[in-house]
């Protein structure tokens, strides 16, 4: 049986990984002013930064309608027996609901997974499904395994500044000003499909990220060693390399993958946000 793994663009997988694993991506819409773009197709994070700098407002993002999902699934099924699609958390977008409604038209050939994550937290589940499909697991068993893994995915990150989170209504003005004055960098974590501030670090970004990775290593002693992601929104090369070296020293991953956050995630978190994401045991 040929299984096609698909995902929303919010999984933030690189072009290289998409090609390597044969994943098909459906982009979410990014709305800047009166123009509508497709995440990762005709809009980049640099476009987001430029738009916010010029207008002072965040772009809006929009889930594909059910009709677009149906067309996407239909095209995929022309060359496979089943589709397993991964959505950004249902608590962050209507993408999952729309995809589920579209899947009803395909007589069980399309299975839709609520990742309860975003960015490469979602991407980790996508690649795990690819591994399982390559091992010959049937679609229903893959979905069952993935659903049991969702709560074990560490989806966390540290933003350099809270301006984008404030503009998006996810951070109060008082918290924004306090973070600037005290040089605070929160650790944003995702549990049960929702984001919350887990901890605050004091100092510059580099110092905060060092503390963040140390905390991850202390908290998650047991983890899936297959792979981890270092995902960031255009952080300085030196900062990323220092995080990578620390992850290599504190963890034993077979593969450390670096990706840049796409437009949807960037529009909510802003520049210089970085996360180390992996599956725990």
C-alpha atoms as a PDB file:
ATOM      1  CA  UNK A   1       0.000   0.000   0.000  1.00  0.00           C
ATOM      2  CA  UNK A   2       1.316   3.427  -0.944  1.00  0.00           C
ATOM      3  CA  UNK A   3       0.759   6.050   1.751  1.00  0.00           C
ATOM      4  CA  UNK A   4       1.207   9.757   1.085  1.00  0.00           C
ATOM      5  CA  UNK A   5       2.136  11.844   4.126  1.00  0.00           C
ATOM      6  CA  UNK A   6       0.967  15.452   3.836  1.00  0.00           C
ATOM      7  CA  UNK A   7       0.975  18.477   6.132  1.00  0.00           C
ATOM      8  CA  UNK A   8       0.103  22.119   6.563  1.00  0.00           C
ATOM      9  CA  UNK A   9       2.981  24.488   5.819  1.00  0.00           C
ATOM     10  CA  UNK A  10       3.109  25.209   9.559  1.00  0.00           C
ATOM     11  CA  UNK A  11       5.223  22.056  10.036  1.00  0.00           C
ATOM     12  CA  UNK A  12       8.214  24.232   9.000  1.00  0.00           C
ATOM     13  CA  UNK A  13      10.096  21.415   7.257  1.00  0.00           C
ATOM     14  CA  UNK A  14      12.885  22.545   4.955  1.00  0.00           C
ATOM     15  CA  UNK A  15      12.703  22.030   1.200  1.00  0.00           C
ATOM     16  CA  UNK A  16      15.422  19.393   1.528  1.00  0.00           C
ATOM     17  CA  UNK A  17      13.455  17.390   4.091  1.00  0.00           C
ATOM     18  CA  UNK A  18      10.218  17.708   2.119  1.00  0.00           C
ATOM     19  CA  UNK A  19      11.961  16.299  -0.932  1.00  0.00           C
ATOM     20  CA  UNK A  20      13.854  13.606   0.975  1.00  0.00           C
ATOM     21  CA  UNK A  21      10.737  12.203   2.644  1.00  0.00           C
ATOM     22  CA  UNK A  22       8.314  12.949  -0.182  1.00  0.00           C
ATOM     23  CA  UNK A  23       5.976  15.007   1.993  1.00  0.00           C
ATOM     24  CA  UNK A  24       3.366  17.127   0.225  1.00  0.00           C
ATOM     25  CA  UNK A  25       2.598  20.515   1.755  1.00  0.00           C
ATOM     26  CA  UNK A  26      -0.562  22.613   1.704  1.00  0.00           C
ATOM     27  CA  UNK A  27       0.301  26.257   2.455  1.00  0.00           C
ATOM     28  CA  UNK A  28      -1.717  28.434   4.779  1.00  0.00           C
ATOM     29  CA  UNK A  29      -2.556  31.954   3.635  1.00  0.00           C
ATOM     30  CA  UNK A  30      -0.643  35.006   4.854  1.00  0.00           C
ATOM     31  CA  UNK A  31      -2.516  38.289   4.460  1.00  0.00           C
ATOM     32  CA  UNK A  32      -0.461  41.473   4.290  1.00  0.00           C
ATOM     33  CA  UNK A  33      -2.610  44.507   3.732  1.00  0.00           C
ATOM     34  CA  UNK A  34      -4.894  43.762   0.807  1.00  0.00           C
ATOM     35  CA  UNK A  35      -2.671  41.047  -0.622  1.00  0.00           C
ATOM     36  CA  UNK A  36      -2.953  37.321   0.052  1.00  0.00           C
ATOM     37  CA  UNK A  37       0.145  35.129  -0.155  1.00  0.00           C
ATOM     38  CA  UNK A  38       0.886  31.441   0.356  1.00  0.00           C
ATOM     39  CA  UNK A  39       3.158  30.510   3.235  1.00  0.00           C
ATOM     40  CA  UNK A  40       6.494  29.365   1.843  1.00  0.00           C
ATOM     41  CA  UNK A  41       5.406  29.725  -1.793  1.00  0.00           C
ATOM     42  CA  UNK A  42       5.235  33.418  -2.580  1.00  0.00           C
ATOM     43  CA  UNK A  43       5.910  34.854   0.879  1.00  0.00           C
ATOM     44  CA  UNK A  44       8.990  34.521   3.076  1.00  0.00           C
ATOM     45  CA  UNK A  45       9.793  35.495   6.673  1.00  0.00           C
ATOM     46  CA  UNK A  46      11.776  38.437   5.288  1.00  0.00           C
ATOM     47  CA  UNK A  47       8.538  39.711   3.753  1.00  0.00           C
ATOM     48  CA  UNK A  48       6.936  39.498   7.196  1.00  0.00           C
ATOM     49  CA  UNK A  49       9.704  41.528   8.838  1.00  0.00           C
ATOM     50  CA  UNK A  50       9.514  44.159   6.117  1.00  0.00           C
ATOM     51  CA  UNK A  51       5.716  44.444   6.317  1.00  0.00           C
ATOM     52  CA  UNK A  52       5.709  44.824  10.112  1.00  0.00           C
ATOM     53  CA  UNK A  53       8.538  47.375  10.005  1.00  0.00           C
ATOM     54  CA  UNK A  54       6.690  49.462   7.424  1.00  0.00           C
ATOM     55  CA  UNK A  55       3.156  49.213   8.829  1.00  0.00           C
ATOM     56  CA  UNK A  56       3.545  48.486  12.535  1.00  0.00           C
ATOM     57  CA  UNK A  57       0.928  45.720  12.306  1.00  0.00           C
ATOM     58  CA  UNK A  58       1.171  41.951  12.014  1.00  0.00           C
ATOM     59  CA  UNK A  59       0.063  40.042   8.938  1.00  0.00           C
ATOM     60  CA  UNK A  60      -3.035  37.911   9.349  1.00  0.00           C
ATOM     61  CA  UNK A  61      -2.991  34.193   8.682  1.00  0.00           C
ATOM     62  CA  UNK A  62      -5.790  32.051   7.351  1.00  0.00           C
ATOM     63  CA  UNK A  63      -6.482  28.327   7.161  1.00  0.00           C
ATOM     64  CA  UNK A  64      -7.300  26.761   3.794  1.00  0.00           C
ATOM     65  CA  UNK A  65     -11.049  26.229   3.379  1.00  0.00           C
ATOM     66  CA  UNK A  66     -12.436  22.686   3.265  1.00  0.00           C
ATOM     67  CA  UNK A  67     -12.777  22.933  -0.518  1.00  0.00           C
ATOM     68  CA  UNK A  68      -9.044  23.546  -0.886  1.00  0.00           C
ATOM     69  CA  UNK A  69      -8.243  20.599   1.352  1.00  0.00           C
ATOM     70  CA  UNK A  70     -10.601  18.401  -0.687  1.00  0.00           C
ATOM     71  CA  UNK A  71      -8.897  19.394  -3.933  1.00  0.00           C
ATOM     72  CA  UNK A  72      -5.466  18.787  -2.359  1.00  0.00           C
ATOM     73  CA  UNK A  73      -6.442  15.339  -1.045  1.00  0.00           C
ATOM     74  CA  UNK A  74      -8.007  14.405  -4.358  1.00  0.00           C
ATOM     75  CA  UNK A  75      -4.809  15.213  -6.242  1.00  0.00           C
ATOM     76  CA  UNK A  76      -2.736  13.194  -3.784  1.00  0.00           C
ATOM     77  CA  UNK A  77      -4.987  10.134  -4.107  1.00  0.00           C
ATOM     78  CA  UNK A  78      -4.354   9.982  -7.829  1.00  0.00           C
ATOM     79  CA  UNK A  79      -0.949   8.481  -7.048  1.00  0.00           C
ATOM     80  CA  UNK A  80      -1.427   6.704  -3.710  1.00  0.00           C
ATOM     81  CA  UNK A  81      -3.822   4.466  -1.771  1.00  0.00           C
ATOM     82  CA  UNK A  82      -4.154   6.566   1.387  1.00  0.00           C
ATOM     83  CA  UNK A  83      -3.297  10.001   2.711  1.00  0.00           C
ATOM     84  CA  UNK A  84      -2.303  10.901   6.269  1.00  0.00           C
ATOM     85  CA  UNK A  85      -2.479  14.658   6.764  1.00  0.00           C
ATOM     86  CA  UNK A  86      -1.033  16.647   9.662  1.00  0.00           C
ATOM     87  CA  UNK A  87      -2.539  19.943  10.820  1.00  0.00           C
ATOM     88  CA  UNK A  88      -1.288  22.657  13.114  1.00  0.00           C
ATOM     89  CA  UNK A  89      -2.942  22.371  16.544  1.00  0.00           C
ATOM     90  CA  UNK A  90      -6.730  22.604  16.352  1.00  0.00           C
ATOM     91  CA  UNK A  91      -6.536  25.066  19.266  1.00  0.00           C
ATOM     92  CA  UNK A  92      -4.494  27.476  17.143  1.00  0.00           C
ATOM     93  CA  UNK A  93      -6.314  27.320  13.796  1.00  0.00           C
ATOM     94  CA  UNK A  94      -9.430  26.071  12.013  1.00  0.00           C
ATOM     95  CA  UNK A  95      -7.166  24.074   9.665  1.00  0.00           C
ATOM     96  CA  UNK A  96      -7.885  20.777  11.401  1.00  0.00           C
ATOM     97  CA  UNK A  97     -11.650  21.220  11.342  1.00  0.00           C
ATOM     98  CA  UNK A  98     -11.572  22.130   7.651  1.00  0.00           C
ATOM     99  CA  UNK A  99      -9.347  19.176   6.791  1.00  0.00           C
ATOM    100  CA  UNK A 100     -11.562  16.757   8.726  1.00  0.00           C
ATOM    101  CA  UNK A 101     -14.637  17.996   6.894  1.00  0.00           C
ATOM    102  CA  UNK A 102     -12.875  17.606   3.552  1.00  0.00           C
ATOM    103  CA  UNK A 103     -11.690  14.083   4.406  1.00  0.00           C
ATOM    104  CA  UNK A 104     -15.272  12.856   4.817  1.00  0.00           C
ATOM    105  CA  UNK A 105     -15.643  12.771   1.040  1.00  0.00           C
ATOM    106  CA  UNK A 106     -12.924  10.145   0.524  1.00  0.00           C
ATOM    107  CA  UNK A 107     -14.390   7.023   2.161  1.00  0.00           C
ATOM    108  CA  UNK A 108     -11.701   6.585   4.788  1.00  0.00           C
ATOM    109  CA  UNK A 109      -8.773   7.010   2.408  1.00  0.00           C
ATOM    110  CA  UNK A 110      -7.774  10.306   4.050  1.00  0.00           C
ATOM    111  CA  UNK A 111      -6.827  10.279   7.735  1.00  0.00           C
ATOM    112  CA  UNK A 112      -6.334  13.633   9.446  1.00  0.00           C
ATOM    113  CA  UNK A 113      -4.099  14.131  12.483  1.00  0.00           C
ATOM    114  CA  UNK A 114      -4.396  17.049  14.897  1.00  0.00           C
ATOM    115  CA  UNK A 115      -0.715  17.504  15.766  1.00  0.00           C
ATOM    116  CA  UNK A 116      -1.543  19.552  18.882  1.00  0.00           C
ATOM    117  CA  UNK A 117       1.680  21.336  17.964  1.00  0.00           C
ATOM    118  CA  UNK A 118       3.127  23.817  15.527  1.00  0.00           C
ATOM    119  CA  UNK A 119       6.355  24.401  13.653  1.00  0.00           C
ATOM    120  CA  UNK A 120       8.739  21.463  13.849  1.00  0.00           C
ATOM    121  CA  UNK A 121       6.854  20.048  16.828  1.00  0.00           C
ATOM    122  CA  UNK A 122       4.357  19.216  14.103  1.00  0.00           C
ATOM    123  CA  UNK A 123       7.240  18.394  11.761  1.00  0.00           C
ATOM    124  CA  UNK A 124       8.611  15.759  14.146  1.00  0.00           C
ATOM    125  CA  UNK A 125       5.321  13.881  13.957  1.00  0.00           C
ATOM    126  CA  UNK A 126       5.272  14.199  10.174  1.00  0.00           C
ATOM    127  CA  UNK A 127       8.720  12.638   9.847  1.00  0.00           C
ATOM    128  CA  UNK A 128       7.872   9.930  12.384  1.00  0.00           C
ATOM    129  CA  UNK A 129       4.868   9.031  10.217  1.00  0.00           C
ATOM    130  CA  UNK A 130       7.191   8.877   7.207  1.00  0.00           C
ATOM    131  CA  UNK A 131       9.447   6.483   9.122  1.00  0.00           C
ATOM    132  CA  UNK A 132       6.482   4.271  10.016  1.00  0.00           C
ATOM    133  CA  UNK A 133       5.130   4.274   6.463  1.00  0.00           C
ATOM    134  CA  UNK A 134       8.564   3.303   5.141  1.00  0.00           C
ATOM    135  CA  UNK A 135       8.580   0.423   7.648  1.00  0.00           C
ATOM    136  CA  UNK A 136       5.355  -0.885   6.124  1.00  0.00           C
ATOM    137  CA  UNK A 137       2.908   0.098   8.860  1.00  0.00           C
ATOM    138  CA  UNK A 138      -0.723   0.477   7.677  1.00  0.00           C
ATOM    139  CA  UNK A 139      -2.412   3.916   7.853  1.00  0.00           C
ATOM    140  CA  UNK A 140      -4.620   3.297  10.889  1.00  0.00           C
ATOM    141  CA  UNK A 141      -1.729   1.936  12.923  1.00  0.00           C
ATOM    142  CA  UNK A 142       0.458   4.917  11.969  1.00  0.00           C
ATOM    143  CA  UNK A 143      -2.224   7.346  13.120  1.00  0.00           C
ATOM    144  CA  UNK A 144      -2.700   5.442  16.377  1.00  0.00           C
ATOM    145  CA  UNK A 145       1.040   5.516  17.109  1.00  0.00           C
ATOM    146  CA  UNK A 146       1.260   9.204  16.229  1.00  0.00           C
ATOM    147  CA  UNK A 147      -1.715  10.135  18.396  1.00  0.00           C
ATOM    148  CA  UNK A 148      -0.012   8.421  21.344  1.00  0.00           C
ATOM    149  CA  UNK A 149       3.165  10.419  20.701  1.00  0.00           C
ATOM    150  CA  UNK A 150       1.594  13.873  20.497  1.00  0.00           C
ATOM    151  CA  UNK A 151       1.785  14.613  24.214  1.00  0.00           C
ATOM    152  CA  UNK A 152       5.462  13.625  24.232  1.00  0.00           C
ATOM    153  CA  UNK A 153       6.621  16.250  21.756  1.00  0.00           C
ATOM    154  CA  UNK A 154       8.622  19.084  23.289  1.00  0.00           C
ATOM    155  CA  UNK A 155       7.411  22.127  21.359  1.00  0.00           C
ATOM    156  CA  UNK A 156       9.116  25.077  23.018  1.00  0.00           C
ATOM    157  CA  UNK A 157      11.019  28.177  22.005  1.00  0.00           C
ATOM    158  CA  UNK A 158      12.544  31.399  23.306  1.00  0.00           C
ATOM    159  CA  UNK A 159      11.766  34.705  21.542  1.00  0.00           C
ATOM    160  CA  UNK A 160      14.290  37.517  21.544  1.00  0.00           C
ATOM    161  CA  UNK A 161      11.594  40.172  21.923  1.00  0.00           C
ATOM    162  CA  UNK A 162       7.898  40.160  22.752  1.00  0.00           C
ATOM    163  CA  UNK A 163       6.835  42.815  20.243  1.00  0.00           C
ATOM    164  CA  UNK A 164       5.168  40.387  17.831  1.00  0.00           C
ATOM    165  CA  UNK A 165       3.473  38.468  20.650  1.00  0.00           C
ATOM    166  CA  UNK A 166       2.186  41.795  22.001  1.00  0.00           C
ATOM    167  CA  UNK A 167       0.895  42.922  18.609  1.00  0.00           C
ATOM    168  CA  UNK A 168      -0.872  39.580  18.277  1.00  0.00           C
ATOM    169  CA  UNK A 169      -2.599  39.941  21.645  1.00  0.00           C
ATOM    170  CA  UNK A 170      -0.579  37.167  23.307  1.00  0.00           C
ATOM    171  CA  UNK A 171       1.423  39.453  25.588  1.00  0.00           C
ATOM    172  CA  UNK A 172       0.277  42.431  27.681  1.00  0.00           C
ATOM    173  CA  UNK A 173       1.858  45.876  27.411  1.00  0.00           C
ATOM    174  CA  UNK A 174       3.070  45.538  30.994  1.00  0.00           C
ATOM    175  CA  UNK A 175       4.787  42.230  30.202  1.00  0.00           C
ATOM    176  CA  UNK A 176       6.302  43.731  27.059  1.00  0.00           C
ATOM    177  CA  UNK A 177       7.744  46.729  28.889  1.00  0.00           C
ATOM    178  CA  UNK A 178       8.915  44.619  31.817  1.00  0.00           C
ATOM    179  CA  UNK A 179      10.732  42.246  29.490  1.00  0.00           C
ATOM    180  CA  UNK A 180      12.517  45.139  27.786  1.00  0.00           C
ATOM    181  CA  UNK A 181      13.564  46.822  31.033  1.00  0.00           C
ATOM    182  CA  UNK A 182      14.650  43.639  32.813  1.00  0.00           C
ATOM    183  CA  UNK A 183      15.984  41.885  29.687  1.00  0.00           C
ATOM    184  CA  UNK A 184      13.651  38.938  30.175  1.00  0.00           C
ATOM    185  CA  UNK A 185      13.272  36.136  27.644  1.00  0.00           C
ATOM    186  CA  UNK A 186      10.348  33.781  28.283  1.00  0.00           C
ATOM    187  CA  UNK A 187      10.381  30.110  27.442  1.00  0.00           C
ATOM    188  CA  UNK A 188       7.173  29.514  25.508  1.00  0.00           C
ATOM    189  CA  UNK A 189       5.973  25.927  25.791  1.00  0.00           C
ATOM    190  CA  UNK A 190       3.086  24.047  24.219  1.00  0.00           C
ATOM    191  CA  UNK A 191       0.897  21.692  26.209  1.00  0.00           C
ATOM    192  CA  UNK A 192      -2.424  20.204  25.129  1.00  0.00           C
ATOM    193  CA  UNK A 193      -2.200  22.185  21.912  1.00  0.00           C
ATOM    194  CA  UNK A 194      -1.905  25.605  23.541  1.00  0.00           C
ATOM    195  CA  UNK A 195       1.030  27.961  24.133  1.00  0.00           C
ATOM    196  CA  UNK A 196       1.944  29.331  27.543  1.00  0.00           C
ATOM    197  CA  UNK A 197       4.921  30.997  29.213  1.00  0.00           C
ATOM    198  CA  UNK A 198       6.683  28.314  31.241  1.00  0.00           C
ATOM    199  CA  UNK A 199       9.719  30.156  32.551  1.00  0.00           C
ATOM    200  CA  UNK A 200      11.585  33.473  32.230  1.00  0.00           C
ATOM    201  CA  UNK A 201      15.306  33.900  31.675  1.00  0.00           C
ATOM    202  CA  UNK A 202      17.191  37.083  32.487  1.00  0.00           C
ATOM    203  CA  UNK A 203      19.975  38.419  30.290  1.00  0.00           C
ATOM    204  CA  UNK A 204      20.688  38.678  26.584  1.00  0.00           C
ATOM    205  CA  UNK A 205      19.391  36.152  24.049  1.00  0.00           C
ATOM    206  CA  UNK A 206      22.578  34.088  23.933  1.00  0.00           C
ATOM    207  CA  UNK A 207      22.673  33.702  27.708  1.00  0.00           C
ATOM    208  CA  UNK A 208      18.950  32.899  27.828  1.00  0.00           C
ATOM    209  CA  UNK A 209      19.244  30.231  25.141  1.00  0.00           C
ATOM    210  CA  UNK A 210      22.105  28.590  27.014  1.00  0.00           C
ATOM    211  CA  UNK A 211      19.918  28.364  30.134  1.00  0.00           C
ATOM    212  CA  UNK A 212      17.006  27.122  28.032  1.00  0.00           C
ATOM    213  CA  UNK A 213      18.976  24.221  26.516  1.00  0.00           C
ATOM    214  CA  UNK A 214      20.367  23.333  29.944  1.00  0.00           C
ATOM    215  CA  UNK A 215      16.828  23.207  31.307  1.00  0.00           C
ATOM    216  CA  UNK A 216      15.699  20.954  28.463  1.00  0.00           C
ATOM    217  CA  UNK A 217      18.543  18.536  29.157  1.00  0.00           C
ATOM    218  CA  UNK A 218      17.731  18.527  32.865  1.00  0.00           C
ATOM    219  CA  UNK A 219      13.995  18.066  32.319  1.00  0.00           C
ATOM    220  CA  UNK A 220      14.025  15.448  29.565  1.00  0.00           C
ATOM    221  CA  UNK A 221      16.430  12.691  30.556  1.00  0.00           C
ATOM    222  CA  UNK A 222      14.737  10.157  28.283  1.00  0.00           C
ATOM    223  CA  UNK A 223      13.988  11.048  24.695  1.00  0.00           C
ATOM    224  CA  UNK A 224      13.720   9.664  21.178  1.00  0.00           C
ATOM    225  CA  UNK A 225      17.271   9.889  19.856  1.00  0.00           C
ATOM    226  CA  UNK A 226      16.249   9.659  16.194  1.00  0.00           C
ATOM    227  CA  UNK A 227      16.277  13.397  15.545  1.00  0.00           C
ATOM    228  CA  UNK A 228      15.763  16.854  16.951  1.00  0.00           C
ATOM    229  CA  UNK A 229      15.154  20.225  15.350  1.00  0.00           C
ATOM    230  CA  UNK A 230      16.797  23.544  15.982  1.00  0.00           C
ATOM    231  CA  UNK A 231      14.221  25.857  14.484  1.00  0.00           C
ATOM    232  CA  UNK A 232      14.620  29.604  14.415  1.00  0.00           C
ATOM    233  CA  UNK A 233      13.391  32.772  12.759  1.00  0.00           C
ATOM    234  CA  UNK A 234      16.533  34.141  11.145  1.00  0.00           C
ATOM    235  CA  UNK A 235      18.790  34.064  14.200  1.00  0.00           C
ATOM    236  CA  UNK A 236      22.420  35.066  13.854  1.00  0.00           C
ATOM    237  CA  UNK A 237      24.595  32.209  12.581  1.00  0.00           C
ATOM    238  CA  UNK A 238      26.880  32.384  15.606  1.00  0.00           C
ATOM    239  CA  UNK A 239      23.942  32.029  17.999  1.00  0.00           C
ATOM    240  CA  UNK A 240      22.588  28.986  16.160  1.00  0.00           C
ATOM    241  CA  UNK A 241      25.992  27.313  16.065  1.00  0.00           C
ATOM    242  CA  UNK A 242      26.473  27.792  19.812  1.00  0.00           C
ATOM    243  CA  UNK A 243      23.072  26.223  20.470  1.00  0.00           C
ATOM    244  CA  UNK A 244      23.934  23.313  18.171  1.00  0.00           C
ATOM    245  CA  UNK A 245      27.232  22.721  19.987  1.00  0.00           C
ATOM    246  CA  UNK A 246      25.431  22.725  23.333  1.00  0.00           C
ATOM    247  CA  UNK A 247      22.780  20.290  22.088  1.00  0.00           C
ATOM    248  CA  UNK A 248      25.504  17.989  20.749  1.00  0.00           C
ATOM    249  CA  UNK A 249      27.213  18.092  24.126  1.00  0.00           C
ATOM    250  CA  UNK A 250      24.135  17.522  26.300  1.00  0.00           C
ATOM    251  CA  UNK A 251      22.086  15.155  24.124  1.00  0.00           C
ATOM    252  CA  UNK A 252      22.742  12.095  21.956  1.00  0.00           C
ATOM    253  CA  UNK A 253      20.575  12.655  18.888  1.00  0.00           C
ATOM    254  CA  UNK A 254      21.369  10.684  15.753  1.00  0.00           C
ATOM    255  CA  UNK A 255      20.480  13.746  13.718  1.00  0.00           C
ATOM    256  CA  UNK A 256      20.233  17.445  14.535  1.00  0.00           C
ATOM    257  CA  UNK A 257      18.223  19.223  11.859  1.00  0.00           C
ATOM    258  CA  UNK A 258      18.148  22.979  11.432  1.00  0.00           C
ATOM    259  CA  UNK A 259      15.151  24.717   9.888  1.00  0.00           C
ATOM    260  CA  UNK A 260      13.926  28.272   9.543  1.00  0.00           C
ATOM    261  CA  UNK A 261      10.422  29.010  10.774  1.00  0.00           C
ATOM    262  CA  UNK A 262       7.906  29.758   8.039  1.00  0.00           C
ATOM    263  CA  UNK A 263       5.719  32.814   7.605  1.00  0.00           C
ATOM    264  CA  UNK A 264       2.861  31.713   9.850  1.00  0.00           C
ATOM    265  CA  UNK A 265       5.043  30.956  12.861  1.00  0.00           C
ATOM    266  CA  UNK A 266       7.304  33.966  12.237  1.00  0.00           C
ATOM    267  CA  UNK A 267       4.337  36.325  12.086  1.00  0.00           C
ATOM    268  CA  UNK A 268       3.435  35.371  15.644  1.00  0.00           C
ATOM    269  CA  UNK A 269       6.892  35.105  17.234  1.00  0.00           C
ATOM    270  CA  UNK A 270       9.100  37.615  15.435  1.00  0.00           C
ATOM    271  CA  UNK A 271      12.759  37.613  14.516  1.00  0.00           C
ATOM    272  CA  UNK A 272      15.461  35.790  16.518  1.00  0.00           C
ATOM    273  CA  UNK A 273      13.116  33.250  18.068  1.00  0.00           C
ATOM    274  CA  UNK A 274      14.730  29.829  18.564  1.00  0.00           C
ATOM    275  CA  UNK A 275      13.533  26.461  19.768  1.00  0.00           C
ATOM    276  CA  UNK A 276      15.022  22.999  20.266  1.00  0.00           C
ATOM    277  CA  UNK A 277      12.285  20.462  19.566  1.00  0.00           C
ATOM    278  CA  UNK A 278      12.257  16.681  19.984  1.00  0.00           C
ATOM    279  CA  UNK A 279      10.120  13.745  21.080  1.00  0.00           C
ATOM    280  CA  UNK A 280      10.383  12.616  24.680  1.00  0.00           C
ATOM    281  CA  UNK A 281       9.867   9.107  26.017  1.00  0.00           C
END
